[in-house]
Amino acid sequence: MGPELGAVLGVAFYLAFTVDAAYYATGFATFLSSSLPELQSHVEVFPWNPRGTWVDVLVASGALLGVAGFCARGVAVSAKASLATLVGILACV
């Protein structure tokens, strides 16, 4: 089909994976803060958010920064981590 269509599809996949990573980090933070009573808070930081969601935002941001720092080391490290994640998911299933 040509390089133009390939570029469009590549950008679409890149954006989809980026949004997926943000959703995964948010889900991880929500699970972690609901599982650990130490992370539950009733403080209202922003008036437009429900009480205690600042903890979820903080945990999700930390998780995303950790993943970004890990992936910034190179493709080889990221590929090994993907393999370890796959093995962990298969073990859970």
Protein backbone atom coordinates (compact mmCIF):
# COMPACT_ATOMS: atom_id res chain seq x y z
CA MET A 1 0.00 0.00 0.00
CA GLY A 2 2.91 2.34 0.44
CA PRO A 3 4.91 4.11 3.09
CA GLU A 4 2.17 6.67 3.70
CA LEU A 5 -0.33 4.07 4.87
CA GLY A 6 2.38 2.35 6.91
CA ALA A 7 3.22 5.63 8.62
CA VAL A 8 -0.43 6.32 9.43
CA LEU A 9 -0.90 2.84 10.86
CA GLY A 10 2.33 3.13 12.84
CA VAL A 11 1.26 6.42 14.41
CA ALA A 12 -2.18 4.98 15.21
CA PHE A 13 -0.63 1.96 16.94
CA TYR A 14 1.83 4.17 18.82
CA LEU A 15 -0.99 6.36 20.14
CA ALA A 16 -3.07 3.31 21.06
CA PHE A 17 -0.20 1.74 23.02
CA THR A 18 0.50 5.05 24.76
CA VAL A 19 -3.10 5.38 25.91
CA ASP A 20 -3.11 1.71 26.94
CA ALA A 21 -0.07 2.26 29.14
CA ALA A 22 -1.82 5.15 30.89
CA TYR A 23 -4.94 3.02 31.45
CA TYR A 24 -2.87 0.13 32.79
CA ALA A 25 -1.04 2.43 35.21
CA THR A 26 -4.33 3.93 36.39
CA GLY A 27 -5.83 0.48 36.92
CA PHE A 28 -2.73 -0.62 38.83
CA ALA A 29 -2.90 2.47 41.04
CA THR A 30 -6.60 2.02 41.74
CA PHE A 31 -6.10 -1.63 42.68
CA LEU A 32 -3.09 -0.85 44.84
CA SER A 33 -4.77 2.00 46.73
CA SER A 34 -7.94 -0.02 47.31
CA SER A 35 -5.96 -3.06 48.51
CA LEU A 36 -3.63 -1.28 50.91
CA PRO A 37 -5.37 0.66 53.69
CA GLU A 38 -2.23 2.76 54.18
CA LEU A 39 -2.77 4.34 50.76
CA GLN A 40 -6.41 5.29 51.32
CA SER A 41 -7.01 8.96 51.95
CA HIS A 42 -10.02 11.19 52.39
CA VAL A 43 -8.18 14.42 51.74
CA GLU A 44 -9.56 16.58 48.95
CA VAL A 45 -6.69 18.06 46.96
CA PHE A 46 -8.59 19.14 43.87
CA PRO A 47 -12.25 20.17 44.22
CA TRP A 48 -13.20 18.61 40.87
CA ASN A 49 -11.91 15.12 41.81
CA PRO A 50 -13.41 12.75 44.36
CA ARG A 51 -11.71 12.59 47.74
CA GLY A 52 -8.61 10.42 47.90
CA THR A 53 -7.98 10.16 44.16
CA TRP A 54 -4.76 12.13 44.49
CA VAL A 55 -3.15 8.92 45.79
CA ASP A 56 -4.16 7.10 42.60
CA VAL A 57 -2.71 9.90 40.49
CA LEU A 58 0.53 9.85 42.46
CA VAL A 59 0.94 6.06 42.25
CA ALA A 60 0.04 5.98 38.53
CA SER A 61 2.49 8.78 37.76
CA GLY A 62 5.24 6.99 39.66
CA ALA A 63 4.51 3.74 37.82
CA LEU A 64 4.62 5.49 34.44
CA LEU A 65 7.88 7.23 35.31
CA GLY A 66 9.36 3.92 36.42
CA VAL A 67 8.36 2.21 33.20
CA ALA A 68 9.62 5.13 31.12
CA GLY A 69 12.98 5.05 32.89
CA PHE A 70 13.18 1.30 32.42
CA CYS A 71 12.35 1.48 28.71
CA ALA A 72 14.75 4.37 28.16
CA ARG A 73 17.64 1.97 28.79
CA GLY A 74 17.14 0.41 25.38
CA VAL A 75 15.14 -1.96 23.27
CA ALA A 76 17.01 -5.05 24.47
CA VAL A 77 16.08 -4.38 28.11
CA SER A 78 12.50 -3.61 27.14
CA ALA A 79 12.25 -6.85 25.15
CA LYS A 80 13.53 -8.88 28.10
CA ALA A 81 10.98 -7.22 30.36
CA SER A 82 8.23 -8.00 27.86
CA LEU A 83 9.27 -11.64 27.86
CA ALA A 84 9.26 -11.73 31.67
CA THR A 85 5.81 -10.12 31.69
CA LEU A 86 4.52 -12.71 29.22
CA VAL A 87 5.86 -15.55 31.36
CA GLY A 88 4.23 -14.02 34.44
CA ILE A 89 0.87 -13.65 32.71
CA LEU A 90 1.01 -17.23 31.42
CA ALA A 91 1.85 -18.46 34.92
CA CYS A 92 -1.15 -16.61 36.32
CA VAL A 93 -3.46 -18.00 33.67
